[in-house]
Protein backbone atom coordinates (compact mmCIF):
# COMPACT_ATOMS: atom_id res chain seq x y z
CA UNK A 1 72.86 162.97 149.79
CA UNK A 2 75.86 160.77 149.60
CA UNK A 3 75.36 158.88 152.56
CA UNK A 4 71.29 158.22 151.60
CA UNK A 5 72.74 156.83 148.14
CA UNK A 6 75.26 154.38 149.74
CA UNK A 7 72.87 152.99 152.25
CA UNK A 8 70.49 152.32 149.18
CA UNK A 9 73.34 150.64 147.56
CA UNK A 10 73.87 148.74 151.04
CA UNK A 11 70.35 147.69 151.61
CA UNK A 12 70.00 146.51 147.69
CA UNK A 13 73.29 144.37 148.02
CA UNK A 14 71.92 143.00 151.64
CA UNK A 15 68.75 141.82 150.48
CA UNK A 16 70.40 139.94 147.10
CA UNK A 17 72.84 138.02 149.04
CA UNK A 18 70.18 137.20 151.74
CA UNK A 19 68.01 135.68 148.93
CA UNK A 20 70.80 133.55 148.08
CA UNK A 21 71.65 132.43 151.01
CA UNK A 22 67.88 131.12 151.83
CA UNK A 23 67.29 129.64 148.61
CA UNK A 24 65.08 131.69 147.41
CA UNK A 25 67.45 133.44 145.01
CA UNK A 26 66.88 131.92 141.24
CA UNK A 27 69.26 132.91 138.11
CA UNK A 28 67.39 134.62 135.63
CA UNK A 29 66.76 133.20 132.15
CA UNK A 30 68.43 132.12 130.00
CA UNK A 31 71.02 130.52 132.53
CA UNK A 32 68.35 128.85 135.35
CA UNK A 33 67.87 126.00 132.80
CA UNK A 34 71.70 125.64 132.38
CA UNK A 35 72.32 126.16 136.02
CA UNK A 36 69.67 123.62 137.44
CA UNK A 37 71.22 120.78 134.75
CA UNK A 38 75.10 121.45 135.89
CA UNK A 39 74.14 121.02 139.17
CA UNK A 40 72.21 117.95 138.60
CA UNK A 41 75.17 116.68 136.69
CA UNK A 42 77.67 117.08 139.80
CA UNK A 43 75.12 115.87 142.26
CA UNK A 44 74.61 112.22 140.32
CA UNK A 45 79.02 112.65 140.01
CA UNK A 46 79.08 112.39 143.70
CA UNK A 47 76.59 109.25 144.28
CA UNK A 48 77.71 107.31 140.92
CA UNK A 49 80.42 104.66 141.53
CA UNK A 50 83.83 104.96 140.04
CA UNK A 51 84.37 102.50 137.17
CA UNK A 52 86.33 99.30 137.83
CA UNK A 53 89.63 99.21 135.88
CA UNK A 54 90.99 95.84 134.82
CA UNK A 55 94.93 95.77 135.09
CA UNK A 56 96.59 92.99 132.90
CA UNK A 57 99.73 91.88 133.52
CA UNK A 58 102.24 92.62 131.04
CA UNK A 59 103.05 89.63 129.67
CA UNK A 60 105.95 91.28 127.04
CA UNK A 61 108.87 89.49 128.90
CA UNK A 62 106.92 85.72 127.86
CA UNK A 63 107.41 86.22 124.45
CA UNK A 64 111.48 86.96 124.35
CA UNK A 65 113.07 84.07 122.26
CA UNK A 66 114.43 81.55 124.26
CA UNK A 67 117.41 78.81 123.17
CA UNK A 68 117.33 75.24 125.08
CA UNK A 69 120.35 73.51 125.75
CA UNK A 70 122.89 72.13 122.76
CA UNK A 71 120.91 74.49 120.28
CA UNK A 72 124.23 75.31 119.23
CA UNK A 73 125.91 71.84 119.63
CA UNK A 74 127.36 72.75 123.10
CA UNK A 75 126.25 72.14 126.70
CA UNK A 76 124.93 75.09 128.21
CA UNK A 77 123.31 73.48 131.23
CA UNK A 78 119.31 72.87 131.95
CA UNK A 79 117.70 76.62 131.89
CA UNK A 80 117.12 78.10 128.92
CA UNK A 81 119.01 80.86 127.42
CA UNK A 82 117.24 84.07 126.92
CA UNK A 83 118.35 85.04 123.42
CA UNK A 84 116.13 88.05 122.75
CA UNK A 85 118.07 91.18 121.43
CA UNK A 86 115.13 93.33 123.67
CA UNK A 87 116.26 92.02 126.87
CA UNK A 88 119.20 94.04 126.28
CA UNK A 89 120.06 97.71 127.70
CA UNK A 90 118.64 99.92 124.39
CA UNK A 91 122.09 101.44 123.49
CA UNK A 92 123.94 98.40 123.50
CA UNK A 93 121.05 96.64 121.65
CA UNK A 94 121.75 99.16 119.05
CA UNK A 95 125.08 98.32 118.98
CA UNK A 96 124.43 94.51 118.88
CA UNK A 97 121.93 95.15 116.15
CA UNK A 98 124.99 97.25 113.89
CA UNK A 99 127.12 94.30 114.44
CA UNK A 100 124.87 91.93 113.12
CA UNK A 101 124.11 93.96 110.33
CA UNK A 102 127.85 94.71 109.67
CA UNK A 103 128.63 90.94 110.00
CA UNK A 104 125.65 89.93 107.20
CA UNK A 105 127.15 92.57 104.79
CA UNK A 106 130.54 90.50 104.94
CA UNK A 107 128.91 87.30 104.34
CA UNK A 108 128.53 86.18 107.73
CA UNK A 109 125.58 85.12 109.53
CA UNK A 110 125.43 85.48 113.42
CA UNK A 111 123.01 84.09 115.51
CA UNK A 112 122.18 85.11 119.37
CA UNK A 113 123.31 82.38 121.52
CA UNK A 114 122.37 84.42 124.88
CA UNK A 115 121.20 88.05 125.66
CA UNK A 116 120.05 88.91 129.14
CA UNK A 117 121.22 86.37 131.76
CA UNK A 118 119.40 85.83 135.21
CA UNK A 119 121.39 85.18 138.43
CA UNK A 120 120.02 81.46 138.43
CA UNK A 121 121.37 80.74 134.80
CA UNK A 122 124.58 82.53 135.95
CA UNK A 123 125.12 80.31 139.09
CA UNK A 124 124.69 77.13 136.97
CA UNK A 125 127.29 78.11 134.88
CA UNK A 126 129.33 78.44 137.63
CA UNK A 127 128.42 75.14 139.29
CA UNK A 128 129.55 73.95 135.88
CA UNK A 129 133.17 74.46 136.60
CA UNK A 130 135.69 77.52 135.30
CA UNK A 131 135.61 76.14 131.65
CA UNK A 132 131.91 78.10 131.61
CA UNK A 133 132.57 81.20 133.87
CA UNK A 134 134.47 82.13 137.23
CA UNK A 135 131.78 84.91 137.72
CA UNK A 136 128.74 83.92 140.06
CA UNK A 137 125.28 85.43 139.96
CA UNK A 138 125.21 89.46 139.81
CA UNK A 139 128.67 90.12 138.63
CA UNK A 140 128.25 89.23 135.11
CA UNK A 141 127.60 92.09 132.71
CA UNK A 142 124.75 89.84 131.27
CA UNK A 143 122.78 90.46 134.22
CA UNK A 144 122.43 94.07 133.45
CA UNK A 145 121.30 93.60 129.71
CA UNK A 146 125.22 94.66 128.51
CA UNK A 147 126.75 91.83 127.39
CA UNK A 148 125.58 89.36 124.46
CA UNK A 149 126.79 85.57 123.60
CA UNK A 150 126.44 84.96 119.60
CA UNK A 151 128.15 82.61 117.03
CA UNK A 152 128.73 82.51 113.45
CA UNK A 153 127.01 80.03 111.83
CA UNK A 154 127.49 78.43 108.14
CA UNK A 155 125.09 76.11 106.63
CA UNK A 156 123.09 76.04 109.79
CA UNK A 157 126.17 74.67 112.02
CA UNK A 158 127.74 77.04 114.52
CA UNK A 159 131.39 77.66 113.92
CA UNK A 160 132.81 77.48 117.48
CA UNK A 161 136.01 76.59 116.62
CA UNK A 162 136.64 78.62 113.19
CA UNK A 163 139.76 81.01 114.60
CA UNK A 164 139.77 82.74 111.77
CA UNK A 165 136.01 83.81 111.69
CA UNK A 166 136.07 84.51 114.98
CA UNK A 167 138.63 87.13 114.30
CA UNK A 168 136.69 89.05 111.39
CA UNK A 169 133.76 88.96 114.31
CA UNK A 170 135.59 89.89 116.69
CA UNK A 171 137.49 93.26 114.88
CA UNK A 172 134.20 94.44 113.59
CA UNK A 173 132.62 94.52 117.31
CA UNK A 174 135.73 96.33 118.26
CA UNK A 175 135.54 98.67 115.67
CA UNK A 176 131.86 99.42 116.89
CA UNK A 177 133.25 100.31 120.44
CA UNK A 178 132.50 96.71 122.08
CA UNK A 179 134.68 94.73 124.25
CA UNK A 180 135.46 91.67 122.61
CA UNK A 181 136.19 88.10 124.96
CA UNK A 182 138.38 86.76 121.90
CA UNK A 183 141.25 89.22 124.00
CA UNK A 184 140.70 87.41 126.89
CA UNK A 185 143.87 85.14 127.91
CA UNK A 186 142.42 83.72 131.00
CA UNK A 187 139.07 82.11 129.66
CA UNK A 188 139.37 82.65 125.94
CA UNK A 189 135.43 83.85 125.12
CA UNK A 190 135.24 84.69 120.98
CA UNK A 191 131.64 84.72 121.17
CA UNK A 192 131.11 87.54 124.11
CA UNK A 193 130.51 90.94 123.36
CA UNK A 194 129.86 93.31 125.87
CA UNK A 195 129.96 97.30 126.64
CA UNK A 196 129.60 98.96 129.96
CA UNK A 197 130.75 102.50 129.30
CA UNK A 198 133.66 101.88 131.47
CA UNK A 199 131.42 100.69 134.65
CA UNK A 200 132.73 97.58 136.69
CA UNK A 201 130.25 94.91 138.14
CA UNK A 202 130.39 96.27 141.07
CA UNK A 203 129.16 99.68 139.70
CA UNK A 204 126.42 97.93 138.29
CA UNK A 205 125.27 95.77 140.99
CA UNK A 206 125.14 99.23 143.06
CA UNK A 207 122.78 100.51 140.70
CA UNK A 208 124.70 102.77 138.78
CA UNK A 209 123.80 102.60 134.62
CA UNK A 210 126.68 103.76 132.38
CA UNK A 211 126.10 107.22 130.63
CA UNK A 212 125.61 106.68 126.77
CA UNK A 213 126.90 108.86 123.92
CA UNK A 214 124.46 111.28 122.29
CA UNK A 215 121.94 110.74 124.64
CA UNK A 216 119.06 112.75 123.14
CA UNK A 217 119.12 109.94 120.78
CA UNK A 218 117.16 108.02 123.74
CA UNK A 219 115.02 110.56 125.03
CA UNK A 220 112.61 107.75 127.08
CA UNK A 221 116.36 105.73 128.21
CA UNK A 222 115.06 106.13 131.87
CA UNK A 223 111.34 104.87 131.17
CA UNK A 224 112.51 102.11 128.90
CA UNK A 225 115.24 100.96 131.35
CA UNK A 226 112.64 100.80 134.41
CA UNK A 227 110.55 98.72 132.39
CA UNK A 228 113.32 96.47 131.34
CA UNK A 229 114.09 95.94 134.83
CA UNK A 230 110.68 94.77 135.75
CA UNK A 231 110.82 92.28 132.96
CA UNK A 232 114.46 90.97 133.94
CA UNK A 233 112.72 90.52 137.76
CA UNK A 234 110.11 88.42 136.01
CA UNK A 235 112.61 86.11 134.56
CA UNK A 236 114.72 86.05 137.69
CA UNK A 237 111.56 84.32 139.47
CA UNK A 238 111.01 82.44 136.78
CA UNK A 239 114.23 80.79 136.22
CA UNK A 240 114.99 80.74 140.82
CA UNK A 241 111.15 78.60 140.57
CA UNK A 242 113.00 76.24 137.99
CA UNK A 243 116.05 76.17 139.80
CA UNK A 244 114.11 75.07 143.10
CA UNK A 245 112.11 72.58 141.84
CA UNK A 246 115.35 70.84 140.24
CA UNK A 247 116.94 70.91 143.10
CA UNK A 248 114.15 69.63 145.38
CA UNK A 249 113.50 66.93 143.13
CA UNK A 250 117.34 65.45 143.32
CA UNK A 251 117.00 65.61 147.11
CA UNK A 252 114.09 63.90 147.02
CA UNK A 253 115.84 61.09 144.28
């Protein structure tokens, strides 16, 4: 009896499977219409072309604030200076924003002269002589968004030679943990502030980023730096192109 029942079950199962394989099996209502619709949509999806996605270039870097030569009463070379805080390393940017804000509460207006600096711009300064810099492109903290040049302004006039005012600004910057160029003896540079977390230019050139305190405050730091690096590359190409055109023009003359 048991063998007979088992044989009957296997026979029914085989007939059912055979019906599915030869296409004669049709799902019973109420699923037949839904099944047919799903199959039709699936088949259609394979035949349709994928939509074309138009990627547009991110031109954020072109919107950064730039400063032309002599804007602050000094010869700073032919290439425009990038003077946008968004061009800086996020952690350092917050430090500079704090510096400007604290100075304002003390009645001191600071103007940003230069933030990020391209290799081409750095080399332009180098060619202008040691009174500007002794550092070639790639070795300045400016090339990594970790340095800035500022100047106090009174009645729209840059105060480059006001030693007392510079000391006030410098002390505020140092209290915020920034390194101040006004302490340098070989190349006194009171408008310069930087922060590298202890890393040298060689570490930065090798691709190392400083470890920032309270990293939890910057959960997207890696992505921000990757995006920032792309913007810097665009500026490198832009200013290198200007330099090549200027060099070619001088040769023709």
